[in-house]
C-alpha atoms as a PDB file:
ATOM      1  CA  MET A   1     -13.115 -11.363 -21.045  1.00  0.00           C
ATOM      2  CA  PRO A   2     -15.843  -8.983 -22.299  1.00  0.00           C
ATOM      3  CA  THR A   3     -14.369  -5.966 -24.065  1.00  0.00           C
ATOM      4  CA  PRO A   4     -15.889  -3.391 -21.681  1.00  0.00           C
ATOM      5  CA  LEU A   5     -13.791  -4.828 -18.846  1.00  0.00           C
ATOM      6  CA  MET A   6     -10.467  -4.618 -20.703  1.00  0.00           C
ATOM      7  CA  VAL A   7      -9.393  -1.340 -22.290  1.00  0.00           C
ATOM      8  CA  VAL A   8      -6.450  -1.408 -24.688  1.00  0.00           C
ATOM      9  CA  SER A   9      -4.989   2.051 -25.276  1.00  0.00           C
ATOM     10  CA  ASP A  10      -5.094   3.464 -28.794  1.00  0.00           C
ATOM     11  CA  GLU A  11      -1.294   3.385 -29.044  1.00  0.00           C
ATOM     12  CA  VAL A  12      -1.038  -0.256 -27.961  1.00  0.00           C
ATOM     13  CA  ARG A  13      -3.979  -1.336 -30.126  1.00  0.00           C
ATOM     14  CA  GLU A  14      -2.483   0.308 -33.211  1.00  0.00           C
ATOM     15  CA  ALA A  15       0.906  -1.279 -32.558  1.00  0.00           C
ATOM     16  CA  LEU A  16      -0.606  -4.746 -32.162  1.00  0.00           C
ATOM     17  CA  THR A  17      -2.728  -4.306 -35.281  1.00  0.00           C
ATOM     18  CA  ARG A  18       0.289  -3.233 -37.328  1.00  0.00           C
ATOM     19  CA  GLY A  19       2.526  -5.966 -35.944  1.00  0.00           C
ATOM     20  CA  ARG A  20       4.826  -3.519 -34.178  1.00  0.00           C
ATOM     21  CA  PRO A  21       6.783  -4.551 -31.055  1.00  0.00           C
ATOM     22  CA  VAL A  22       5.007  -4.090 -27.718  1.00  0.00           C
ATOM     23  CA  VAL A  23       6.377  -4.697 -24.213  1.00  0.00           C
ATOM     24  CA  ALA A  24       4.092  -5.237 -21.212  1.00  0.00           C
ATOM     25  CA  LEU A  25       5.132  -3.610 -17.918  1.00  0.00           C
ATOM     26  CA  GLU A  26       3.704  -4.302 -14.476  1.00  0.00           C
ATOM     27  CA  SER A  27       2.316  -1.586 -12.236  1.00  0.00           C
ATOM     28  CA  THR A  28       3.056  -3.091  -8.809  1.00  0.00           C
ATOM     29  CA  ILE A  29       6.597  -1.724  -8.869  1.00  0.00           C
ATOM     30  CA  ILE A  30       5.072   1.730  -9.392  1.00  0.00           C
ATOM     31  CA  ALA A  31       2.330   1.550  -6.772  1.00  0.00           C
ATOM     32  CA  HIS A  32       3.965  -0.633  -4.127  1.00  0.00           C
ATOM     33  CA  GLY A  33       7.644  -1.121  -4.883  1.00  0.00           C
ATOM     34  CA  LEU A  34       9.123   2.376  -4.784  1.00  0.00           C
ATOM     35  CA  PRO A  35       8.814   5.501  -2.637  1.00  0.00           C
ATOM     36  CA  ARG A  36       6.898   8.513  -3.977  1.00  0.00           C
ATOM     37  CA  PRO A  37       7.640  10.586  -6.039  1.00  0.00           C
ATOM     38  CA  ARG A  38      10.517   8.504  -7.375  1.00  0.00           C
ATOM     39  CA  ASN A  39       8.099   5.793  -8.454  1.00  0.00           C
ATOM     40  CA  LEU A  40       6.546   8.014 -11.126  1.00  0.00           C
ATOM     41  CA  ARG A  41       9.949   9.048 -12.465  1.00  0.00           C
ATOM     42  CA  VAL A  42      10.949   5.387 -12.737  1.00  0.00           C
ATOM     43  CA  ALA A  43       7.660   4.473 -14.428  1.00  0.00           C
ATOM     44  CA  GLU A  44       8.235   7.183 -17.025  1.00  0.00           C
ATOM     45  CA  GLU A  45      11.879   6.145 -17.418  1.00  0.00           C
ATOM     46  CA  LEU A  46      10.945   2.519 -18.103  1.00  0.00           C
ATOM     47  CA  GLU A  47       8.429   3.533 -20.743  1.00  0.00           C
ATOM     48  CA  ASP A  48      11.075   5.796 -22.312  1.00  0.00           C
ATOM     49  CA  ILE A  49      13.526   2.883 -22.464  1.00  0.00           C
ATOM     50  CA  VAL A  50      10.966   0.846 -24.409  1.00  0.00           C
ATOM     51  CA  ARG A  51      10.240   3.731 -26.789  1.00  0.00           C
ATOM     52  CA  SER A  52      13.911   4.472 -27.393  1.00  0.00           C
ATOM     53  CA  ALA A  53      14.303   0.908 -28.650  1.00  0.00           C
ATOM     54  CA  GLY A  54      11.475   1.391 -31.149  1.00  0.00           C
ATOM     55  CA  ALA A  55       8.825  -0.542 -29.208  1.00  0.00           C
ATOM     56  CA  VAL A  56       5.568   0.503 -27.535  1.00  0.00           C
ATOM     57  CA  PRO A  57       5.228   0.248 -23.732  1.00  0.00           C
ATOM     58  CA  ALA A  58       2.031  -1.224 -22.291  1.00  0.00           C
ATOM     59  CA  THR A  59       1.964  -0.558 -18.556  1.00  0.00           C
ATOM     60  CA  ILE A  60      -0.954  -2.522 -17.099  1.00  0.00           C
ATOM     61  CA  ALA A  61      -3.230  -1.675 -14.172  1.00  0.00           C
ATOM     62  CA  VAL A  62      -6.848  -2.020 -13.064  1.00  0.00           C
ATOM     63  CA  LEU A  63      -8.629   1.300 -12.537  1.00  0.00           C
ATOM     64  CA  ASP A  64     -12.259   1.657 -11.487  1.00  0.00           C
ATOM     65  CA  GLY A  65     -13.163  -1.859 -12.486  1.00  0.00           C
ATOM     66  CA  ARG A  66     -11.484  -1.855 -15.895  1.00  0.00           C
ATOM     67  CA  ALA A  67      -8.228  -3.510 -16.874  1.00  0.00           C
ATOM     68  CA  HIS A  68      -6.109  -0.975 -18.762  1.00  0.00           C
ATOM     69  CA  ILE A  69      -3.506  -2.279 -21.189  1.00  0.00           C
ATOM     70  CA  GLY A  70      -1.366   0.818 -21.697  1.00  0.00           C
ATOM     71  CA  LEU A  71      -1.682   3.889 -19.476  1.00  0.00           C
ATOM     72  CA  ASP A  72      -1.820   7.487 -20.601  1.00  0.00           C
ATOM     73  CA  LYS A  73      -0.054  10.189 -18.558  1.00  0.00           C
ATOM     74  CA  THR A  74      -3.000  10.786 -16.224  1.00  0.00           C
ATOM     75  CA  ARG A  75      -3.520   7.096 -15.466  1.00  0.00           C
ATOM     76  CA  LEU A  76       0.205   6.488 -14.995  1.00  0.00           C
ATOM     77  CA  GLU A  77       0.293   9.341 -12.483  1.00  0.00           C
ATOM     78  CA  ARG A  78      -2.694   7.861 -10.688  1.00  0.00           C
ATOM     79  CA  ALA A  79      -0.999   4.467 -10.451  1.00  0.00           C
ATOM     80  CA  ALA A  80       1.990   6.195  -8.866  1.00  0.00           C
ATOM     81  CA  ASP A  81       0.121   8.585  -6.567  1.00  0.00           C
ATOM     82  CA  ASP A  82      -3.016   6.766  -5.340  1.00  0.00           C
ATOM     83  CA  PRO A  83      -2.218   5.036  -2.006  1.00  0.00           C
ATOM     84  CA  SER A  84      -5.512   3.099  -2.095  1.00  0.00           C
ATOM     85  CA  LEU A  85      -4.509   0.899  -5.049  1.00  0.00           C
ATOM     86  CA  ARG A  86      -4.586  -2.761  -4.118  1.00  0.00           C
ATOM     87  CA  LYS A  87      -2.087  -5.390  -5.234  1.00  0.00           C
ATOM     88  CA  LEU A  88      -3.774  -7.670  -7.776  1.00  0.00           C
ATOM     89  CA  GLY A  89      -2.590 -11.102  -8.822  1.00  0.00           C
ATOM     90  CA  HIS A  90      -4.439 -12.948 -11.558  1.00  0.00           C
ATOM     91  CA  ARG A  91      -6.853 -14.571  -9.077  1.00  0.00           C
ATOM     92  CA  ASP A  92      -7.885 -11.098  -7.877  1.00  0.00           C
ATOM     93  CA  LEU A  93      -8.763  -9.717 -11.294  1.00  0.00           C
ATOM     94  CA  ALA A  94     -12.354 -10.974 -11.587  1.00  0.00           C
ATOM     95  CA  PRO A  95     -13.414  -9.803  -8.085  1.00  0.00           C
ATOM     96  CA  ALA A  96     -11.688  -6.451  -8.642  1.00  0.00           C
ATOM     97  CA  LEU A  97     -13.390  -5.869 -11.992  1.00  0.00           C
ATOM     98  CA  ALA A  98     -16.770  -6.938 -10.642  1.00  0.00           C
ATOM     99  CA  ALA A  99     -16.431  -4.622  -7.639  1.00  0.00           C
ATOM    100  CA  GLY A 100     -15.235  -1.629  -9.672  1.00  0.00           C
ATOM    101  CA  ALA A 101     -11.997  -1.655  -7.701  1.00  0.00           C
ATOM    102  CA  SER A 102      -8.561  -0.306  -8.589  1.00  0.00           C
ATOM    103  CA  GLY A 103      -5.217  -1.991  -8.201  1.00  0.00           C
ATOM    104  CA  ALA A 104      -1.695  -2.510  -9.471  1.00  0.00           C
ATOM    105  CA  THR A 105      -1.007  -5.789 -11.215  1.00  0.00           C
ATOM    106  CA  THR A 106       1.646  -8.238 -10.037  1.00  0.00           C
ATOM    107  CA  VAL A 107       3.639 -10.517 -12.333  1.00  0.00           C
ATOM    108  CA  SER A 108       0.790 -13.028 -12.577  1.00  0.00           C
ATOM    109  CA  GLY A 109      -1.866 -10.357 -13.094  1.00  0.00           C
ATOM    110  CA  THR A 110       0.194  -8.532 -15.691  1.00  0.00           C
ATOM    111  CA  ALA A 111       1.163 -11.686 -17.591  1.00  0.00           C
ATOM    112  CA  PHE A 112      -2.469 -12.828 -17.733  1.00  0.00           C
ATOM    113  CA  LEU A 113      -3.818  -9.513 -19.015  1.00  0.00           C
ATOM    114  CA  ALA A 114      -0.946  -8.985 -21.440  1.00  0.00           C
ATOM    115  CA  ALA A 115      -1.492 -12.392 -22.999  1.00  0.00           C
ATOM    116  CA  ARG A 116      -5.243 -11.757 -23.263  1.00  0.00           C
ATOM    117  CA  ALA A 117      -4.483  -8.539 -25.128  1.00  0.00           C
ATOM    118  CA  GLY A 118      -2.159 -10.316 -27.560  1.00  0.00           C
ATOM    119  CA  ILE A 119       1.146  -9.062 -26.127  1.00  0.00           C
ATOM    120  CA  ARG A 120       3.914 -11.646 -26.233  1.00  0.00           C
ATOM    121  CA  VAL A 121       6.805  -9.986 -24.329  1.00  0.00           C
ATOM    122  CA  PHE A 122       6.735  -8.824 -20.700  1.00  0.00           C
ATOM    123  CA  ALA A 123       9.546  -7.236 -18.660  1.00  0.00           C
ATOM    124  CA  THR A 124       9.729  -7.287 -14.870  1.00  0.00           C
ATOM    125  CA  GLY A 125      12.306  -7.305 -12.079  1.00  0.00           C
ATOM    126  CA  GLY A 126      12.238 -10.707 -10.397  1.00  0.00           C
ATOM    127  CA  LEU A 127       9.654 -13.475 -10.364  1.00  0.00           C
ATOM    128  CA  GLY A 128       7.965 -14.913  -7.325  1.00  0.00           C
ATOM    129  CA  GLY A 129       8.683 -18.538  -6.514  1.00  0.00           C
ATOM    130  CA  VAL A 130       8.866 -21.194  -3.844  1.00  0.00           C
ATOM    131  CA  HIS A 131       9.343 -19.719  -0.394  1.00  0.00           C
ATOM    132  CA  ARG A 132      11.883 -20.913   2.126  1.00  0.00           C
ATOM    133  CA  GLU A 133      10.451 -23.407   4.601  1.00  0.00           C
ATOM    134  CA  TRP A 134       8.025 -24.574   1.912  1.00  0.00           C
ATOM    135  CA  THR A 135       7.728 -28.009   3.531  1.00  0.00           C
ATOM    136  CA  THR A 136       6.166 -26.305   6.542  1.00  0.00           C
ATOM    137  CA  THR A 137       4.268 -23.389   4.997  1.00  0.00           C
ATOM    138  CA  GLN A 138       3.388 -24.709   1.488  1.00  0.00           C
ATOM    139  CA  ASP A 139       3.911 -21.104   0.369  1.00  0.00           C
ATOM    140  CA  GLU A 140       4.469 -20.756  -3.371  1.00  0.00           C
ATOM    141  CA  SER A 141       3.934 -17.720  -5.573  1.00  0.00           C
ATOM    142  CA  ALA A 142       0.968 -17.742  -7.948  1.00  0.00           C
ATOM    143  CA  ASP A 143       3.414 -16.576 -10.625  1.00  0.00           C
ATOM    144  CA  LEU A 144       4.591 -20.131 -11.251  1.00  0.00           C
ATOM    145  CA  GLY A 145       1.215 -21.725 -11.883  1.00  0.00           C
ATOM    146  CA  LEU A 146       0.058 -18.860 -14.094  1.00  0.00           C
ATOM    147  CA  LEU A 147       3.226 -18.976 -16.198  1.00  0.00           C
ATOM    148  CA  ALA A 148       2.748 -22.717 -16.673  1.00  0.00           C
ATOM    149  CA  ARG A 149      -0.432 -22.017 -18.661  1.00  0.00           C
ATOM    150  CA  THR A 150       0.252 -18.646 -20.296  1.00  0.00           C
ATOM    151  CA  ARG A 151       2.111 -18.229 -23.598  1.00  0.00           C
ATOM    152  CA  ILE A 152       4.225 -15.176 -22.876  1.00  0.00           C
ATOM    153  CA  THR A 153       7.960 -14.439 -22.780  1.00  0.00           C
ATOM    154  CA  VAL A 154       9.049 -12.936 -19.461  1.00  0.00           C
ATOM    155  CA  VAL A 155      12.358 -11.098 -19.179  1.00  0.00           C
ATOM    156  CA  CYS A 156      13.473 -11.023 -15.548  1.00  0.00           C
ATOM    157  CA  ALA A 157      16.527 -11.117 -13.308  1.00  0.00           C
ATOM    158  CA  GLY A 158      15.641 -14.537 -11.952  1.00  0.00           C
ATOM    159  CA  VAL A 159      13.538 -14.876  -8.820  1.00  0.00           C
ATOM    160  CA  LYS A 160      13.795 -12.811  -5.686  1.00  0.00           C
ATOM    161  CA  SER A 161      16.846 -13.947  -3.748  1.00  0.00           C
ATOM    162  CA  VAL A 162      14.879 -14.149  -0.486  1.00  0.00           C
ATOM    163  CA  LEU A 163      13.134 -17.234  -1.941  1.00  0.00           C
ATOM    164  CA  ASP A 164      14.254 -20.858  -2.290  1.00  0.00           C
ATOM    165  CA  VAL A 165      15.913 -20.605  -5.701  1.00  0.00           C
ATOM    166  CA  PRO A 166      16.747 -24.308  -6.249  1.00  0.00           C
ATOM    167  CA  ALA A 167      13.203 -25.341  -5.312  1.00  0.00           C
ATOM    168  CA  THR A 168      11.768 -22.667  -7.609  1.00  0.00           C
ATOM    169  CA  LEU A 169      13.809 -23.923 -10.553  1.00  0.00           C
ATOM    170  CA  GLN A 170      12.650 -27.454  -9.803  1.00  0.00           C
ATOM    171  CA  ARG A 171       9.015 -26.305  -9.803  1.00  0.00           C
ATOM    172  CA  LEU A 172       9.496 -24.495 -13.112  1.00  0.00           C
ATOM    173  CA  GLU A 173      10.889 -27.702 -14.588  1.00  0.00           C
ATOM    174  CA  THR A 174       7.970 -29.731 -13.231  1.00  0.00           C
ATOM    175  CA  LEU A 175       5.479 -27.204 -14.599  1.00  0.00           C
ATOM    176  CA  GLY A 176       7.113 -27.251 -18.033  1.00  0.00           C
ATOM    177  CA  VAL A 177       8.177 -23.599 -18.070  1.00  0.00           C
ATOM    178  CA  GLY A 178      11.265 -23.053 -20.231  1.00  0.00           C
ATOM    179  CA  VAL A 179      14.188 -21.059 -18.814  1.00  0.00           C
ATOM    180  CA  LEU A 180      16.865 -19.409 -20.954  1.00  0.00           C
ATOM    181  CA  GLY A 181      19.946 -17.775 -19.463  1.00  0.00           C
ATOM    182  CA  TYR A 182      20.718 -14.626 -21.425  1.00  0.00           C
ATOM    183  CA  GLY A 183      24.483 -14.642 -21.936  1.00  0.00           C
ATOM    184  CA  THR A 184      24.947 -16.818 -18.851  1.00  0.00           C
ATOM    185  CA  ASP A 185      24.912 -20.464 -17.811  1.00  0.00           C
ATOM    186  CA  ARG A 186      23.917 -19.514 -14.246  1.00  0.00           C
ATOM    187  CA  PHE A 187      20.474 -18.505 -13.071  1.00  0.00           C
ATOM    188  CA  PRO A 188      20.574 -14.856 -11.937  1.00  0.00           C
ATOM    189  CA  GLY A 189      20.032 -14.020  -8.279  1.00  0.00           C
ATOM    190  CA  PHE A 190      17.876 -10.869  -8.666  1.00  0.00           C
ATOM    191  CA  TYR A 191      20.200  -8.448  -6.830  1.00  0.00           C
ATOM    192  CA  LEU A 192      23.160 -10.630  -7.840  1.00  0.00           C
ATOM    193  CA  ARG A 193      24.419 -11.750 -11.241  1.00  0.00           C
ATOM    194  CA  SER A 194      24.327 -15.387 -10.174  1.00  0.00           C
ATOM    195  CA  SER A 195      22.360 -17.457  -7.704  1.00  0.00           C
ATOM    196  CA  GLY A 196      24.901 -20.235  -8.155  1.00  0.00           C
ATOM    197  CA  GLU A 197      22.298 -22.465  -9.812  1.00  0.00           C
ATOM    198  CA  PRO A 198      22.844 -23.631 -13.420  1.00  0.00           C
ATOM    199  CA  VAL A 199      20.485 -23.136 -16.348  1.00  0.00           C
ATOM    200  CA  ASP A 200      20.170 -25.746 -19.086  1.00  0.00           C
ATOM    201  CA  TRP A 201      20.007 -23.346 -22.033  1.00  0.00           C
ATOM    202  CA  THR A 202      21.934 -20.199 -22.850  1.00  0.00           C
ATOM    203  CA  VAL A 203      21.062 -17.667 -25.551  1.00  0.00           C
ATOM    204  CA  HIS A 204      23.162 -14.748 -26.758  1.00  0.00           C
ATOM    205  CA  SER A 205      20.887 -12.446 -28.743  1.00  0.00           C
ATOM    206  CA  PRO A 206      17.280 -11.257 -28.991  1.00  0.00           C
ATOM    207  CA  GLN A 207      17.090 -13.193 -32.261  1.00  0.00           C
ATOM    208  CA  ASP A 208      17.937 -16.403 -30.368  1.00  0.00           C
ATOM    209  CA  VAL A 209      15.029 -15.752 -28.011  1.00  0.00           C
ATOM    210  CA  ALA A 210      12.655 -14.987 -30.882  1.00  0.00           C
ATOM    211  CA  GLU A 211      13.616 -18.261 -32.559  1.00  0.00           C
ATOM    212  CA  ALA A 212      12.828 -20.154 -29.359  1.00  0.00           C
ATOM    213  CA  MET A 213       9.442 -18.390 -29.228  1.00  0.00           C
ATOM    214  CA  ARG A 214       8.713 -19.404 -32.815  1.00  0.00           C
ATOM    215  CA  ALA A 215       9.691 -22.977 -32.033  1.00  0.00           C
ATOM    216  CA  GLN A 216       7.269 -22.944 -29.082  1.00  0.00           C
ATOM    217  CA  ASP A 217       4.448 -21.948 -31.400  1.00  0.00           C
ATOM    218  CA  ALA A 218       5.420 -24.437 -34.093  1.00  0.00           C
ATOM    219  CA  LEU A 219       5.437 -27.306 -31.614  1.00  0.00           C
ATOM    220  CA  GLY A 220       2.070 -26.394 -30.124  1.00  0.00           C
ATOM    221  CA  GLY A 221       1.214 -28.183 -26.909  1.00  0.00           C
ATOM    222  CA  PRO A 222       0.589 -26.534 -23.538  1.00  0.00           C
ATOM    223  CA  GLY A 223       0.592 -22.733 -23.643  1.00  0.00           C
ATOM    224  CA  SER A 224       3.419 -22.233 -21.152  1.00  0.00           C
ATOM    225  CA  ALA A 225       5.666 -19.217 -20.734  1.00  0.00           C
ATOM    226  CA  LEU A 226       9.312 -18.769 -21.660  1.00  0.00           C
ATOM    227  CA  ILE A 227      11.533 -17.153 -19.046  1.00  0.00           C
ATOM    228  CA  VAL A 228      14.560 -15.144 -20.196  1.00  0.00           C
ATOM    229  CA  ALA A 229      16.821 -14.836 -17.157  1.00  0.00           C
ATOM    230  CA  ASN A 230      18.894 -11.692 -17.648  1.00  0.00           C
ATOM    231  CA  PRO A 231      21.609 -10.959 -15.039  1.00  0.00           C
ATOM    232  CA  VAL A 232      22.005  -7.501 -13.558  1.00  0.00           C
ATOM    233  CA  PRO A 233      25.193  -5.802 -14.836  1.00  0.00           C
ATOM    234  CA  GLU A 234      28.149  -6.784 -12.655  1.00  0.00           C
ATOM    235  CA  ARG A 235      29.041  -3.201 -11.766  1.00  0.00           C
ATOM    236  CA  GLU A 236      25.469  -2.606 -10.563  1.00  0.00           C
ATOM    237  CA  GLN A 237      24.818  -5.778  -8.593  1.00  0.00           C
ATOM    238  CA  LEU A 238      24.572  -5.709  -4.819  1.00  0.00           C
ATOM    239  CA  ASP A 239      27.829  -6.633  -3.115  1.00  0.00           C
ATOM    240  CA  PRO A 240      27.458 -10.423  -2.661  1.00  0.00           C
ATOM    241  CA  ALA A 241      28.998 -10.474   0.826  1.00  0.00           C
ATOM    242  CA  LEU A 242      26.710  -7.644   1.974  1.00  0.00           C
ATOM    243  CA  HIS A 243      23.716  -9.399   0.417  1.00  0.00           C
ATOM    244  CA  ASP A 244      24.423 -12.700   2.166  1.00  0.00           C
ATOM    245  CA  ARG A 245      25.057 -11.097   5.552  1.00  0.00           C
ATOM    246  CA  VAL A 246      21.979  -8.867   5.540  1.00  0.00           C
ATOM    247  CA  LEU A 247      19.716 -11.608   4.183  1.00  0.00           C
ATOM    248  CA  ALA A 248      20.826 -13.968   6.965  1.00  0.00           C
ATOM    249  CA  GLU A 249      20.065 -11.246   9.518  1.00  0.00           C
ATOM    250  CA  ALA A 250      16.679 -10.608   7.888  1.00  0.00           C
ATOM    251  CA  LEU A 251      15.720 -14.285   8.015  1.00  0.00           C
ATOM    252  CA  THR A 252      16.677 -14.467  11.692  1.00  0.00           C
ATOM    253  CA  GLU A 253      14.646 -11.331  12.484  1.00  0.00           C
ATOM    254  CA  CYS A 254      11.694 -12.620  10.496  1.00  0.00           C
ATOM    255  CA  ALA A 255      11.644 -15.846  12.514  1.00  0.00           C
ATOM    256  CA  ARG A 256      12.078 -13.966  15.793  1.00  0.00           C
ATOM    257  CA  GLU A 257       9.065 -11.754  15.061  1.00  0.00           C
ATOM    258  CA  GLY A 258       6.955 -14.727  13.989  1.00  0.00           C
ATOM    259  CA  ILE A 259       6.233 -13.316  10.527  1.00  0.00           C
ATOM    260  CA  THR A 260       4.670 -15.889   8.191  1.00  0.00           C
ATOM    261  CA  GLY A 261       2.774 -16.302   4.914  1.00  0.00           C
ATOM    262  CA  GLN A 262       2.403 -13.429   2.482  1.00  0.00           C
ATOM    263  CA  SER A 263       4.050 -11.019   4.919  1.00  0.00           C
ATOM    264  CA  VAL A 264       7.443 -12.740   4.704  1.00  0.00           C
ATOM    265  CA  THR A 265       8.666 -11.481   1.313  1.00  0.00           C
ATOM    266  CA  PRO A 266       7.724  -7.794   1.851  1.00  0.00           C
ATOM    267  CA  PHE A 267       9.402  -7.921   5.276  1.00  0.00           C
ATOM    268  CA  LEU A 268      12.618  -9.413   3.889  1.00  0.00           C
ATOM    269  CA  LEU A 269      12.800  -7.030   0.928  1.00  0.00           C
ATOM    270  CA  ASP A 270      12.177  -4.018   3.160  1.00  0.00           C
ATOM    271  CA  TYR A 271      14.826  -5.238   5.609  1.00  0.00           C
ATOM    272  CA  LEU A 272      17.332  -5.529   2.768  1.00  0.00           C
ATOM    273  CA  VAL A 273      16.606  -1.994   1.562  1.00  0.00           C
ATOM    274  CA  ARG A 274      17.010  -0.508   5.050  1.00  0.00           C
ATOM    275  CA  HIS A 275      20.069  -2.481   6.092  1.00  0.00           C
ATOM    276  CA  THR A 276      21.970  -2.071   2.837  1.00  0.00           C
ATOM    277  CA  GLU A 277      21.258   1.681   2.969  1.00  0.00           C
ATOM    278  CA  GLY A 278      19.259   1.501  -0.233  1.00  0.00           C
ATOM    279  CA  ALA A 279      21.863  -0.451  -2.227  1.00  0.00           C
ATOM    280  CA  SER A 280      19.468  -3.379  -2.767  1.00  0.00           C
ATOM    281  CA  LEU A 281      16.873  -1.010  -4.216  1.00  0.00           C
ATOM    282  CA  GLU A 282      19.411   0.430  -6.661  1.00  0.00           C
ATOM    283  CA  ALA A 283      20.421  -3.073  -7.751  1.00  0.00           C
ATOM    284  CA  ASN A 284      16.736  -3.911  -8.219  1.00  0.00           C
ATOM    285  CA  LEU A 285      16.218  -0.863 -10.428  1.00  0.00           C
ATOM    286  CA  ALA A 286      19.357  -1.612 -12.432  1.00  0.00           C
ATOM    287  CA  ALA A 287      17.988  -5.093 -13.097  1.00  0.00           C
ATOM    288  CA  VAL A 288      14.590  -3.752 -14.134  1.00  0.00           C
ATOM    289  CA  ARG A 289      16.128  -1.230 -16.541  1.00  0.00           C
ATOM    290  CA  GLY A 290      18.235  -3.928 -18.154  1.00  0.00           C
ATOM    291  CA  ASN A 291      15.279  -6.280 -18.441  1.00  0.00           C
ATOM    292  CA  VAL A 292      13.073  -3.627 -20.034  1.00  0.00           C
ATOM    293  CA  ALA A 293      15.753  -2.740 -22.589  1.00  0.00           C
ATOM    294  CA  LEU A 294      16.288  -6.397 -23.478  1.00  0.00           C
ATOM    295  CA  ALA A 295      12.538  -7.055 -23.678  1.00  0.00           C
ATOM    296  CA  ALA A 296      12.160  -4.245 -26.217  1.00  0.00           C
ATOM    297  CA  ARG A 297      14.910  -5.778 -28.368  1.00  0.00           C
ATOM    298  CA  ILE A 298      13.277  -9.214 -28.119  1.00  0.00           C
ATOM    299  CA  ALA A 299       9.897  -7.756 -29.075  1.00  0.00           C
ATOM    300  CA  GLU A 300      11.549  -6.148 -32.090  1.00  0.00           C
ATOM    301  CA  ALA A 301      13.158  -9.450 -33.117  1.00  0.00           C
ATOM    302  CA  TRP A 302       9.843 -11.248 -32.594  1.00  0.00           C
ATOM    303  CA  THR A 303       7.883  -8.912 -34.854  1.00  0.00           C
ATOM    304  CA  SER A 304      10.516  -8.471 -37.577  1.00  0.00           C
END
């Protein structure tokens, strides 16, 4: 990508040059995932969590046809306040840059730009994956394909529980994307500590993750990602019985209204927020905070 189209902030550039830890953060949660003005407070809180761990935050967004790796206060406020920002996956980046457009980056868009900038660790909430009824809709998140060819470590709370978790794990295996359970032998369920699905490998420290990253590089081969699946703290997870009941109701309502394609996930997530009286949103934020804190520790272990 030509330099004029990708702007790395002075703080992030200096950190990368000096070999200091940097953590990439997505902007979709700011622009599209939270109500205003809470979204700006959360964005600032997440950056503060990274800084308090001795790392540098690199929130990523596209503004006026330029991909920004690291946002200053004014640009962070714009990402939170501008309702016209589009949602940009990695396939949308070239058209957006060419058109001078602005948008918040999803997991795939953020991972792509972070890797291009030389950032190795990325924290998010939950990944996209294989959608329910895949055999009929063929609906699968672009996150999976992008992570199969991008060398970046993604700290997340699993995949969104409204998706087909077993099928998503199978696709990750097929695509050659490594999955590590952080302190768990069960794949997290986004709002829940466990989806009930096993993981093959468990790690117990940021140093363990950094060693796996170094082994990736030493082996060479395809430049795939490494997923660190970090469960939400038990006291902050959504009540499992409430989750299962409301999700079943949401799926029934979704089918009744004939909602399909890309509209399914936003509908289900919104339904969960409304019908759990905001408890699902709080569990989501608890997961994101934990992932950001862990990502900063992993970035520190990686650069030390």
